[in-house]
Amino acid sequence: ATAVVMGWRPTVGPMALLAALGLAVFIGWATSWIFAL
């Protein structure tokens, strides 16, 4: 959202944008198990 406010405009559709966010969140969640340990 901050990048969009600064002027960034995605060149891909909503599904690709959600896929990128989903992948980042998934990797973050996998990493959360390491930090939890």
PDB file of all heavy atoms in Angstrom:
ATOM      1  N   ALA A   1       0.833  -1.207   0.000  1.00  0.00           N
ATOM      2  CA  ALA A   1       0.000   0.000   0.000  1.00  0.00           C
ATOM      3  C   ALA A   1       0.869   1.259   0.000  1.00  0.00           C
ATOM      4  O   ALA A   1       0.556   2.242  -0.689  1.00  0.00           O
ATOM      5  CB  ALA A   1      -0.931  -0.006   1.215  1.00  0.00           C
ATOM      6  N   THR A   2       1.962   1.242   0.762  1.00  0.00           N
ATOM      7  CA  THR A   2       2.865   2.398   0.797  1.00  0.00           C
ATOM      8  C   THR A   2       3.493   2.630  -0.566  1.00  0.00           C
ATOM      9  O   THR A   2       3.612   3.778  -1.025  1.00  0.00           O
ATOM     10  CB  THR A   2       3.964   2.191   1.853  1.00  0.00           C
ATOM     11  OG1 THR A   2       3.371   1.904   3.118  1.00  0.00           O
ATOM     12  CG2 THR A   2       4.831   3.436   1.976  1.00  0.00           C
ATOM     13  N   ALA A   3       3.893   1.561  -1.233  1.00  0.00           N
ATOM     14  CA  ALA A   3       4.474   1.687  -2.574  1.00  0.00           C
ATOM     15  C   ALA A   3       3.461   2.267  -3.555  1.00  0.00           C
ATOM     16  O   ALA A   3       3.812   3.095  -4.410  1.00  0.00           O
ATOM     17  CB  ALA A   3       4.972   0.329  -3.059  1.00  0.00           C
ATOM     18  N   VAL A   4       2.198   1.851  -3.443  1.00  0.00           N
ATOM     19  CA  VAL A   4       1.151   2.384  -4.320  1.00  0.00           C
ATOM     20  C   VAL A   4       0.968   3.877  -4.080  1.00  0.00           C
ATOM     21  O   VAL A   4       0.840   4.672  -5.028  1.00  0.00           O
ATOM     22  CB  VAL A   4      -0.176   1.633  -4.094  1.00  0.00           C
ATOM     23  CG1 VAL A   4      -1.334   2.341  -4.798  1.00  0.00           C
ATOM     24  CG2 VAL A   4      -0.069   0.198  -4.599  1.00  0.00           C
ATOM     25  N   VAL A   5       0.972   4.293  -2.824  1.00  0.00           N
ATOM     26  CA  VAL A   5       0.846   5.717  -2.494  1.00  0.00           C
ATOM     27  C   VAL A   5       2.014   6.508  -3.073  1.00  0.00           C
ATOM     28  O   VAL A   5       1.852   7.659  -3.512  1.00  0.00           O
ATOM     29  CB  VAL A   5       0.767   5.904  -0.962  1.00  0.00           C
ATOM     30  CG1 VAL A   5       0.859   7.382  -0.588  1.00  0.00           C
ATOM     31  CG2 VAL A   5      -0.526   5.304  -0.418  1.00  0.00           C
ATOM     32  N   MET A   6       3.197   5.911  -3.116  1.00  0.00           N
ATOM     33  CA  MET A   6       4.381   6.581  -3.659  1.00  0.00           C
ATOM     34  C   MET A   6       4.390   6.615  -5.180  1.00  0.00           C
ATOM     35  O   MET A   6       5.255   7.276  -5.767  1.00  0.00           O
ATOM     36  CB  MET A   6       5.647   5.889  -3.146  1.00  0.00           C
ATOM     37  CG  MET A   6       5.884   6.047  -1.655  1.00  0.00           C
ATOM     38  SD  MET A   6       7.304   5.079  -1.079  1.00  0.00           S
ATOM     39  CE  MET A   6       8.649   5.863  -1.955  1.00  0.00           C
ATOM     40  N   GLY A   7       3.473   5.894  -5.814  1.00  0.00           N
ATOM     41  CA  GLY A   7       3.387   5.951  -7.268  1.00  0.00           C
ATOM     42  C   GLY A   7       3.593   4.641  -7.992  1.00  0.00           C
ATOM     43  O   GLY A   7       3.519   4.595  -9.228  1.00  0.00           O
ATOM     44  N   TRP A   8       3.860   3.567  -7.244  1.00  0.00           N
ATOM     45  CA  TRP A   8       4.034   2.265  -7.896  1.00  0.00           C
ATOM     46  C   TRP A   8       2.698   1.737  -8.374  1.00  0.00           C
ATOM     47  O   TRP A   8       1.707   1.779  -7.656  1.00  0.00           O
ATOM     48  CB  TRP A   8       4.659   1.271  -6.922  1.00  0.00           C
ATOM     49  CG  TRP A   8       4.757  -0.129  -7.463  1.00  0.00           C
ATOM     50  CD1 TRP A   8       5.534  -0.545  -8.492  1.00  0.00           C
ATOM     51  CD2 TRP A   8       4.049  -1.293  -6.993  1.00  0.00           C
ATOM     52  NE1 TRP A   8       5.378  -1.896  -8.699  1.00  0.00           N
ATOM     53  CE2 TRP A   8       4.467  -2.386  -7.801  1.00  0.00           C
ATOM     54  CE3 TRP A   8       3.114  -1.519  -5.988  1.00  0.00           C
ATOM     55  CZ2 TRP A   8       3.975  -3.672  -7.615  1.00  0.00           C
ATOM     56  CZ3 TRP A   8       2.620  -2.793  -5.797  1.00  0.00           C
ATOM     57  CH2 TRP A   8       3.050  -3.858  -6.605  1.00  0.00           C
ATOM     58  N   ARG A   9       2.671   1.254  -9.597  1.00  0.00           N
ATOM     59  CA  ARG A   9       1.462   0.664 -10.158  1.00  0.00           C
ATOM     60  C   ARG A   9       1.783  -0.733 -10.674  1.00  0.00           C
ATOM     61  O   ARG A   9       2.645  -0.894 -11.541  1.00  0.00           O
ATOM     62  CB  ARG A   9       0.906   1.523 -11.312  1.00  0.00           C
ATOM     63  CG  ARG A   9       0.433   2.900 -10.883  1.00  0.00           C
ATOM     64  CD  ARG A   9      -0.753   2.810  -9.938  1.00  0.00           C
ATOM     65  NE  ARG A   9      -1.205   4.117  -9.491  1.00  0.00           N
ATOM     66  CZ  ARG A   9      -0.806   4.716  -8.369  1.00  0.00           C
ATOM     67  NH1 ARG A   9       0.071   4.095  -7.572  1.00  0.00           N
ATOM     68  NH2 ARG A   9      -1.259   5.889  -8.020  1.00  0.00           N
ATOM     69  N   PRO A  10       1.135  -1.765 -10.133  1.00  0.00           N
ATOM     70  CA  PRO A  10       1.413  -3.135 -10.589  1.00  0.00           C
ATOM     71  C   PRO A  10       1.138  -3.284 -12.079  1.00  0.00           C
ATOM     72  O   PRO A  10       0.151  -2.745 -12.600  1.00  0.00           O
ATOM     73  CB  PRO A  10       0.432  -3.985  -9.760  1.00  0.00           C
ATOM     74  CG  PRO A  10       0.051  -3.139  -8.597  1.00  0.00           C
ATOM     75  CD  PRO A  10       0.097  -1.718  -9.083  1.00  0.00           C
ATOM     76  N   THR A  11       2.014  -4.008 -12.760  1.00  0.00           N
ATOM     77  CA  THR A  11       1.834  -4.256 -14.194  1.00  0.00           C
ATOM     78  C   THR A  11       1.180  -5.612 -14.439  1.00  0.00           C
ATOM     79  O   THR A  11       1.053  -6.035 -15.582  1.00  0.00           O
ATOM     80  CB  THR A  11       3.198  -4.213 -14.912  1.00  0.00           C
ATOM     81  OG1 THR A  11       4.081  -5.172 -14.315  1.00  0.00           O
ATOM     82  CG2 THR A  11       3.818  -2.825 -14.795  1.00  0.00           C
ATOM     83  N   VAL A  12       0.789  -6.289 -13.363  1.00  0.00           N
ATOM     84  CA  VAL A  12       0.152  -7.603 -13.469  1.00  0.00           C
ATOM     85  C   VAL A  12      -1.253  -7.516 -12.880  1.00  0.00           C
ATOM     86  O   VAL A  12      -1.621  -6.535 -12.238  1.00  0.00           O
ATOM     87  CB  VAL A  12       0.972  -8.679 -12.731  1.00  0.00           C
ATOM     88  CG1 VAL A  12       2.320  -8.877 -13.403  1.00  0.00           C
ATOM     89  CG2 VAL A  12       1.151  -8.324 -11.260  1.00  0.00           C
ATOM     90  N   GLY A  13      -2.034  -8.566 -13.118  1.00  0.00           N
ATOM     91  CA  GLY A  13      -3.399  -8.594 -12.631  1.00  0.00           C
ATOM     92  C   GLY A  13      -3.488  -8.874 -11.139  1.00  0.00           C
ATOM     93  O   GLY A  13      -2.496  -9.203 -10.487  1.00  0.00           O
ATOM     94  N   PRO A  14      -4.702  -8.758 -10.584  1.00  0.00           N
ATOM     95  CA  PRO A  14      -4.901  -8.977  -9.148  1.00  0.00           C
ATOM     96  C   PRO A  14      -4.481 -10.367  -8.685  1.00  0.00           C
ATOM     97  O   PRO A  14      -3.954 -10.518  -7.580  1.00  0.00           O
ATOM     98  CB  PRO A  14      -6.419  -8.778  -8.972  1.00  0.00           C
ATOM     99  CG  PRO A  14      -6.840  -7.947 -10.143  1.00  0.00           C
ATOM    100  CD  PRO A  14      -5.946  -8.343 -11.258  1.00  0.00           C
ATOM    101  N   MET A  15      -4.691 -11.387  -9.512  1.00  0.00           N
ATOM    102  CA  MET A  15      -4.351 -12.746  -9.102  1.00  0.00           C
ATOM    103  C   MET A  15      -2.838 -12.906  -8.945  1.00  0.00           C
ATOM    104  O   MET A  15      -2.371 -13.564  -8.002  1.00  0.00           O
ATOM    105  CB  MET A  15      -4.880 -13.754 -10.120  1.00  0.00           C
ATOM    106  CG  MET A  15      -6.392 -13.835 -10.178  1.00  0.00           C
ATOM    107  SD  MET A  15      -7.137 -14.157  -8.550  1.00  0.00           S
ATOM    108  CE  MET A  15      -6.475 -15.784  -8.214  1.00  0.00           C
ATOM    109  N   ALA A  16      -2.062 -12.325  -9.856  1.00  0.00           N
ATOM    110  CA  ALA A  16      -0.606 -12.396  -9.751  1.00  0.00           C
ATOM    111  C   ALA A  16      -0.120 -11.612  -8.531  1.00  0.00           C
ATOM    112  O   ALA A  16       0.816 -12.040  -7.832  1.00  0.00           O
ATOM    113  CB  ALA A  16       0.045 -11.854 -11.017  1.00  0.00           C
ATOM    114  N   LEU A  17      -0.759 -10.489  -8.275  1.00  0.00           N
ATOM    115  CA  LEU A  17      -0.395  -9.684  -7.106  1.00  0.00           C
ATOM    116  C   LEU A  17      -0.665 -10.469  -5.818  1.00  0.00           C
ATOM    117  O   LEU A  17       0.161 -10.490  -4.893  1.00  0.00           O
ATOM    118  CB  LEU A  17      -1.180  -8.378  -7.121  1.00  0.00           C
ATOM    119  CG  LEU A  17      -0.792  -7.318  -6.083  1.00  0.00           C
ATOM    120  CD1 LEU A  17       0.644  -6.873  -6.289  1.00  0.00           C
ATOM    121  CD2 LEU A  17      -1.734  -6.121  -6.180  1.00  0.00           C
ATOM    122  N   LEU A  18      -1.811 -11.120  -5.766  1.00  0.00           N
ATOM    123  CA  LEU A  18      -2.146 -11.939  -4.599  1.00  0.00           C
ATOM    124  C   LEU A  18      -1.215 -13.138  -4.476  1.00  0.00           C
ATOM    125  O   LEU A  18      -0.873 -13.561  -3.361  1.00  0.00           O
ATOM    126  CB  LEU A  18      -3.603 -12.404  -4.684  1.00  0.00           C
ATOM    127  CG  LEU A  18      -4.668 -11.333  -4.463  1.00  0.00           C
ATOM    128  CD1 LEU A  18      -6.062 -11.906  -4.715  1.00  0.00           C
ATOM    129  CD2 LEU A  18      -4.582 -10.760  -3.050  1.00  0.00           C
ATOM    130  N   ALA A  19      -0.814 -13.694  -5.627  1.00  0.00           N
ATOM    131  CA  ALA A  19       0.115 -14.833  -5.605  1.00  0.00           C
ATOM    132  C   ALA A  19       1.459 -14.419  -5.017  1.00  0.00           C
ATOM    133  O   ALA A  19       2.058 -15.163  -4.221  1.00  0.00           O
ATOM    134  CB  ALA A  19       0.295 -15.386  -7.013  1.00  0.00           C
ATOM    135  N   ALA A  20       1.946 -13.234  -5.404  1.00  0.00           N
ATOM    136  CA  ALA A  20       3.223 -12.740  -4.877  1.00  0.00           C
ATOM    137  C   ALA A  20       3.123 -12.495  -3.373  1.00  0.00           C
ATOM    138  O   ALA A  20       4.016 -12.880  -2.606  1.00  0.00           O
ATOM    139  CB  ALA A  20       3.627 -11.458  -5.600  1.00  0.00           C
ATOM    140  N   LEU A  21       2.024 -11.866  -2.950  1.00  0.00           N
ATOM    141  CA  LEU A  21       1.821 -11.625  -1.519  1.00  0.00           C
ATOM    142  C   LEU A  21       1.678 -12.949  -0.766  1.00  0.00           C
ATOM    143  O   LEU A  21       2.248 -13.122   0.318  1.00  0.00           O
ATOM    144  CB  LEU A  21       0.585 -10.751  -1.309  1.00  0.00           C
ATOM    145  CG  LEU A  21       0.186 -10.462   0.151  1.00  0.00           C
ATOM    146  CD1 LEU A  21       1.308  -9.751   0.889  1.00  0.00           C
ATOM    147  CD2 LEU A  21      -1.100  -9.633   0.200  1.00  0.00           C
ATOM    148  N   GLY A  22       0.935 -13.884  -1.349  1.00  0.00           N
ATOM    149  CA  GLY A  22       0.744 -15.182  -0.712  1.00  0.00           C
ATOM    150  C   GLY A  22       2.043 -15.945  -0.549  1.00  0.00           C
ATOM    151  O   GLY A  22       2.284 -16.573   0.490  1.00  0.00           O
ATOM    152  N   LEU A  23       2.908 -15.882  -1.572  1.00  0.00           N
ATOM    153  CA  LEU A  23       4.203 -16.567  -1.486  1.00  0.00           C
ATOM    154  C   LEU A  23       5.057 -15.952  -0.385  1.00  0.00           C
ATOM    155  O   LEU A  23       5.695 -16.672   0.397  1.00  0.00           O
ATOM    156  CB  LEU A  23       4.925 -16.490  -2.826  1.00  0.00           C
ATOM    157  CG  LEU A  23       6.307 -17.151  -2.888  1.00  0.00           C
ATOM    158  CD1 LEU A  23       6.207 -18.646  -2.594  1.00  0.00           C
ATOM    159  CD2 LEU A  23       6.961 -16.921  -4.251  1.00  0.00           C
ATOM    160  N   ALA A  24       5.064 -14.623  -0.318  1.00  0.00           N
ATOM    161  CA  ALA A  24       5.844 -13.942   0.720  1.00  0.00           C
ATOM    162  C   ALA A  24       5.335 -14.310   2.117  1.00  0.00           C
ATOM    163  O   ALA A  24       6.122 -14.587   3.023  1.00  0.00           O
ATOM    164  CB  ALA A  24       5.783 -12.430   0.513  1.00  0.00           C
ATOM    165  N   VAL A  25       4.021 -14.322   2.281  1.00  0.00           N
ATOM    166  CA  VAL A  25       3.431 -14.662   3.575  1.00  0.00           C
ATOM    167  C   VAL A  25       3.725 -16.112   3.943  1.00  0.00           C
ATOM    168  O   VAL A  25       4.032 -16.434   5.095  1.00  0.00           O
ATOM    169  CB  VAL A  25       1.907 -14.406   3.564  1.00  0.00           C
ATOM    170  CG1 VAL A  25       1.237 -14.994   4.809  1.00  0.00           C
ATOM    171  CG2 VAL A  25       1.621 -12.910   3.484  1.00  0.00           C
ATOM    172  N   PHE A  26       3.658 -16.994   2.957  1.00  0.00           N
ATOM    173  CA  PHE A  26       3.935 -18.411   3.210  1.00  0.00           C
ATOM    174  C   PHE A  26       5.372 -18.612   3.676  1.00  0.00           C
ATOM    175  O   PHE A  26       5.631 -19.341   4.647  1.00  0.00           O
ATOM    176  CB  PHE A  26       3.670 -19.235   1.947  1.00  0.00           C
ATOM    177  CG  PHE A  26       4.006 -20.692   2.101  1.00  0.00           C
ATOM    178  CD1 PHE A  26       3.255 -21.511   2.935  1.00  0.00           C
ATOM    179  CD2 PHE A  26       5.089 -21.244   1.431  1.00  0.00           C
ATOM    180  CE1 PHE A  26       3.580 -22.856   3.098  1.00  0.00           C
ATOM    181  CE2 PHE A  26       5.418 -22.577   1.582  1.00  0.00           C
ATOM    182  CZ  PHE A  26       4.652 -23.389   2.420  1.00  0.00           C
ATOM    183  N   ILE A  27       6.327 -17.971   3.000  1.00  0.00           N
ATOM    184  CA  ILE A  27       7.730 -18.081   3.404  1.00  0.00           C
ATOM    185  C   ILE A  27       7.916 -17.467   4.785  1.00  0.00           C
ATOM    186  O   ILE A  27       8.657 -18.000   5.634  1.00  0.00           O
ATOM    187  CB  ILE A  27       8.652 -17.402   2.378  1.00  0.00           C
ATOM    188  CG1 ILE A  27       8.613 -18.164   1.046  1.00  0.00           C
ATOM    189  CG2 ILE A  27      10.075 -17.317   2.902  1.00  0.00           C
ATOM    190  CD1 ILE A  27       9.095 -19.590   1.138  1.00  0.00           C
ATOM    191  N   GLY A  28       7.241 -16.338   5.033  1.00  0.00           N
ATOM    192  CA  GLY A  28       7.321 -15.723   6.358  1.00  0.00           C
ATOM    193  C   GLY A  28       6.774 -16.633   7.436  1.00  0.00           C
ATOM    194  O   GLY A  28       7.338 -16.739   8.528  1.00  0.00           O
ATOM    195  N   TRP A  29       5.655 -17.321   7.133  1.00  0.00           N
ATOM    196  CA  TRP A  29       5.057 -18.216   8.123  1.00  0.00           C
ATOM    197  C   TRP A  29       5.960 -19.416   8.381  1.00  0.00           C
ATOM    198  O   TRP A  29       6.095 -19.866   9.519  1.00  0.00           O
ATOM    199  CB  TRP A  29       3.686 -18.683   7.653  1.00  0.00           C
ATOM    200  CG  TRP A  29       2.900 -19.394   8.719  1.00  0.00           C
ATOM    201  CD1 TRP A  29       2.389 -18.839   9.852  1.00  0.00           C
ATOM    202  CD2 TRP A  29       2.557 -20.781   8.751  1.00  0.00           C
ATOM    203  NE1 TRP A  29       1.731 -19.808  10.601  1.00  0.00           N
ATOM    204  CE2 TRP A  29       1.818 -21.002   9.949  1.00  0.00           C
ATOM    205  CE3 TRP A  29       2.786 -21.855   7.884  1.00  0.00           C
ATOM    206  CZ2 TRP A  29       1.319 -22.264  10.284  1.00  0.00           C
ATOM    207  CZ3 TRP A  29       2.286 -23.100   8.232  1.00  0.00           C
ATOM    208  CH2 TRP A  29       1.560 -23.304   9.422  1.00  0.00           C
ATOM    209  N   ALA A  30       6.592 -19.929   7.329  1.00  0.00           N
ATOM    210  CA  ALA A  30       7.554 -21.023   7.505  1.00  0.00           C
ATOM    211  C   ALA A  30       8.706 -20.576   8.396  1.00  0.00           C
ATOM    212  O   ALA A  30       9.172 -21.327   9.271  1.00  0.00           O
ATOM    213  CB  ALA A  30       8.074 -21.487   6.147  1.00  0.00           C
ATOM    214  N   THR A  31       9.150 -19.335   8.203  1.00  0.00           N
ATOM    215  CA  THR A  31      10.228 -18.791   9.028  1.00  0.00           C
ATOM    216  C   THR A  31       9.773 -18.574  10.465  1.00  0.00           C
ATOM    217  O   THR A  31      10.581 -18.664  11.402  1.00  0.00           O
ATOM    218  CB  THR A  31      10.727 -17.466   8.427  1.00  0.00           C
ATOM    219  OG1 THR A  31      11.023 -17.646   7.042  1.00  0.00           O
ATOM    220  CG2 THR A  31      11.976 -16.972   9.136  1.00  0.00           C
ATOM    221  N   SER A  32       8.486 -18.291  10.664  1.00  0.00           N
ATOM    222  CA  SER A  32       7.957 -18.084  12.012  1.00  0.00           C
ATOM    223  C   SER A  32       8.182 -19.299  12.896  1.00  0.00           C
ATOM    224  O   SER A  32       8.392 -19.171  14.105  1.00  0.00           O
ATOM    225  CB  SER A  32       6.454 -17.769  11.953  1.00  0.00           C
ATOM    226  OG  SER A  32       6.210 -16.511  11.405  1.00  0.00           O
ATOM    227  N   TRP A  33       8.143 -20.500  12.308  1.00  0.00           N
ATOM    228  CA  TRP A  33       8.378 -21.713  13.087  1.00  0.00           C
ATOM    229  C   TRP A  33       9.808 -21.761  13.599  1.00  0.00           C
ATOM    230  O   TRP A  33      10.070 -22.254  14.705  1.00  0.00           O
ATOM    231  CB  TRP A  33       8.066 -22.947  12.245  1.00  0.00           C
ATOM    232  CG  TRP A  33       6.603 -23.172  12.084  1.00  0.00           C
ATOM    233  CD1 TRP A  33       5.827 -22.842  11.007  1.00  0.00           C
ATOM    234  CD2 TRP A  33       5.713 -23.761  13.047  1.00  0.00           C
ATOM    235  NE1 TRP A  33       4.509 -23.177  11.244  1.00  0.00           N
ATOM    236  CE2 TRP A  33       4.413 -23.758  12.483  1.00  0.00           C
ATOM    237  CE3 TRP A  33       5.891 -24.294  14.326  1.00  0.00           C
ATOM    238  CZ2 TRP A  33       3.309 -24.256  13.161  1.00  0.00           C
ATOM    239  CZ3 TRP A  33       4.784 -24.790  15.003  1.00  0.00           C
ATOM    240  CH2 TRP A  33       3.511 -24.772  14.424  1.00  0.00           C
ATOM    241  N   ILE A  34      10.743 -21.235  12.816  1.00  0.00           N
ATOM    242  CA  ILE A  34      12.136 -21.176  13.275  1.00  0.00           C
ATOM    243  C   ILE A  34      12.253 -20.219  14.452  1.00  0.00           C
ATOM    244  O   ILE A  34      12.868 -20.542  15.484  1.00  0.00           O
ATOM    245  CB  ILE A  34      13.068 -20.739  12.127  1.00  0.00           C
ATOM    246  CG1 ILE A  34      12.958 -21.698  10.944  1.00  0.00           C
ATOM    247  CG2 ILE A  34      14.509 -20.641  12.615  1.00  0.00           C
ATOM    248  CD1 ILE A  34      13.775 -21.285   9.725  1.00  0.00           C
ATOM    249  N   PHE A  35      11.648 -19.031  14.315  1.00  0.00           N
ATOM    250  CA  PHE A  35      11.714 -18.051  15.400  1.00  0.00           C
ATOM    251  C   PHE A  35      10.949 -18.536  16.632  1.00  0.00           C
ATOM    252  O   PHE A  35      11.353 -18.241  17.768  1.00  0.00           O
ATOM    253  CB  PHE A  35      11.165 -16.703  14.925  1.00  0.00           C
ATOM    254  CG  PHE A  35      12.085 -15.974  13.988  1.00  0.00           C
ATOM    255  CD1 PHE A  35      11.755 -15.771  12.662  1.00  0.00           C
ATOM    256  CD2 PHE A  35      13.301 -15.486  14.437  1.00  0.00           C
ATOM    257  CE1 PHE A  35      12.601 -15.108  11.798  1.00  0.00           C
ATOM    258  CE2 PHE A  35      14.166 -14.814  13.587  1.00  0.00           C
ATOM    259  CZ  PHE A  35      13.816 -14.621  12.263  1.00  0.00           C
ATOM    260  N   ALA A  36       9.869 -19.272  16.428  1.00  0.00           N
ATOM    261  CA  ALA A  36       9.131 -19.828  17.569  1.00  0.00           C
ATOM    262  C   ALA A  36      10.002 -20.826  18.326  1.00  0.00           C
ATOM    263  O   ALA A  36      10.002 -20.856  19.569  1.00  0.00           O
ATOM    264  CB  ALA A  36       7.842 -20.496  17.091  1.00  0.00           C
ATOM    265  N   LEU A  37      10.743 -21.650  17.586  1.00  0.00           N
ATOM    266  CA  LEU A  37      11.655 -22.595  18.222  1.00  0.00           C
ATOM    267  C   LEU A  37      12.725 -21.857  19.019  1.00  0.00           C
ATOM    268  O   LEU A  37      13.050 -22.243  20.152  1.00  0.00           O
ATOM    269  CB  LEU A  37      12.303 -23.477  17.153  1.00  0.00           C
ATOM    270  CG  LEU A  37      13.312 -24.517  17.651  1.00  0.00           C
ATOM    271  CD1 LEU A  37      12.661 -25.494  18.625  1.00  0.00           C
ATOM    272  CD2 LEU A  37      13.927 -25.265  16.470  1.00  0.00           C
TER     273      LEU A  37
END
